[in-house]
């Protein structure tokens, strides 16, 4: 049972890392092309500048890393 849980945990970590890497690439491309990103927020579709979204992401990760 523990081996299966460990395997699942490693898989989730790999998936999370891949999603974060893909998001970083999308964000970088949007900044290079000055293209807004389309997100789903508050039950609405919204366009957000890459710089604004980058600040939101940084704030979220900063808050998550605090004890």
Protein backbone atom coordinates (compact mmCIF):
# COMPACT_ATOMS: atom_id res chain seq x y z
CA UNK A 1 0.00 0.00 0.00
CA UNK A 2 2.82 2.44 0.90
CA UNK A 3 4.61 1.76 -2.40
CA UNK A 4 1.44 2.56 -4.30
CA UNK A 5 0.95 5.78 -2.34
CA UNK A 6 4.57 6.79 -2.92
CA UNK A 7 4.21 6.08 -6.64
CA UNK A 8 1.01 8.14 -6.80
CA UNK A 9 2.68 11.01 -4.94
CA UNK A 10 5.63 11.01 -7.35
CA UNK A 11 3.25 10.96 -10.32
CA UNK A 12 1.29 13.93 -8.94
CA UNK A 13 4.55 15.83 -8.41
CA UNK A 14 5.60 15.15 -12.00
CA UNK A 15 2.21 16.23 -13.35
CA UNK A 16 2.29 19.40 -11.26
CA UNK A 17 5.80 20.23 -12.51
CA UNK A 18 4.75 19.67 -16.14
CA UNK A 19 1.70 21.93 -15.76
CA UNK A 20 3.80 24.67 -14.14
CA UNK A 21 6.38 24.40 -16.93
CA UNK A 22 3.70 24.64 -19.61
CA UNK A 23 2.12 27.64 -17.87
CA UNK A 24 5.50 29.39 -17.70
CA UNK A 25 5.98 28.85 -21.44
CA UNK A 26 2.51 30.21 -22.23
CA UNK A 27 3.13 33.23 -20.01
CA UNK A 28 6.49 33.93 -21.67
CA UNK A 29 5.02 33.66 -25.16
CA UNK A 30 2.16 36.01 -24.21
CA UNK A 31 4.69 38.56 -22.93
CA UNK A 32 6.77 38.30 -26.11
CA UNK A 33 3.75 38.76 -28.36
CA UNK A 34 1.96 41.25 -26.08
CA UNK A 35 -1.07 39.00 -26.10
CA UNK A 36 -3.58 38.86 -23.25
CA UNK A 37 -4.25 35.51 -21.64
CA UNK A 38 -7.78 34.18 -21.42
CA UNK A 39 -8.71 32.77 -18.03
CA UNK A 40 -11.81 31.50 -16.24
CA UNK A 41 -12.43 33.47 -13.04
CA UNK A 42 -15.51 34.16 -10.95
CA UNK A 43 -17.67 32.16 -13.37
CA UNK A 44 -16.59 34.41 -16.25
CA UNK A 45 -14.15 34.36 -19.12
CA UNK A 46 -11.64 37.19 -18.68
CA UNK A 47 -8.66 38.58 -20.58
CA UNK A 48 -5.65 39.36 -18.38
CA UNK A 49 -2.31 40.83 -19.32
CA UNK A 50 0.59 38.41 -18.87
CA UNK A 51 2.25 40.83 -16.45
CA UNK A 52 -0.85 41.01 -14.25
CA UNK A 53 -1.26 37.24 -14.26
CA UNK A 54 2.42 36.79 -13.44
CA UNK A 55 2.01 39.05 -10.39
CA UNK A 56 -1.06 37.07 -9.27
CA UNK A 57 0.80 33.77 -9.62
CA UNK A 58 3.83 35.09 -7.72
CA UNK A 59 1.59 36.34 -4.89
CA UNK A 60 -0.23 33.01 -4.72
CA UNK A 61 2.98 30.96 -4.54
CA UNK A 62 4.43 33.35 -1.99
CA UNK A 63 1.36 32.93 0.21
CA UNK A 64 1.46 29.13 -0.20
CA UNK A 65 5.09 28.92 0.89
CA UNK A 66 4.47 30.72 4.17
CA UNK A 67 4.07 28.52 7.27
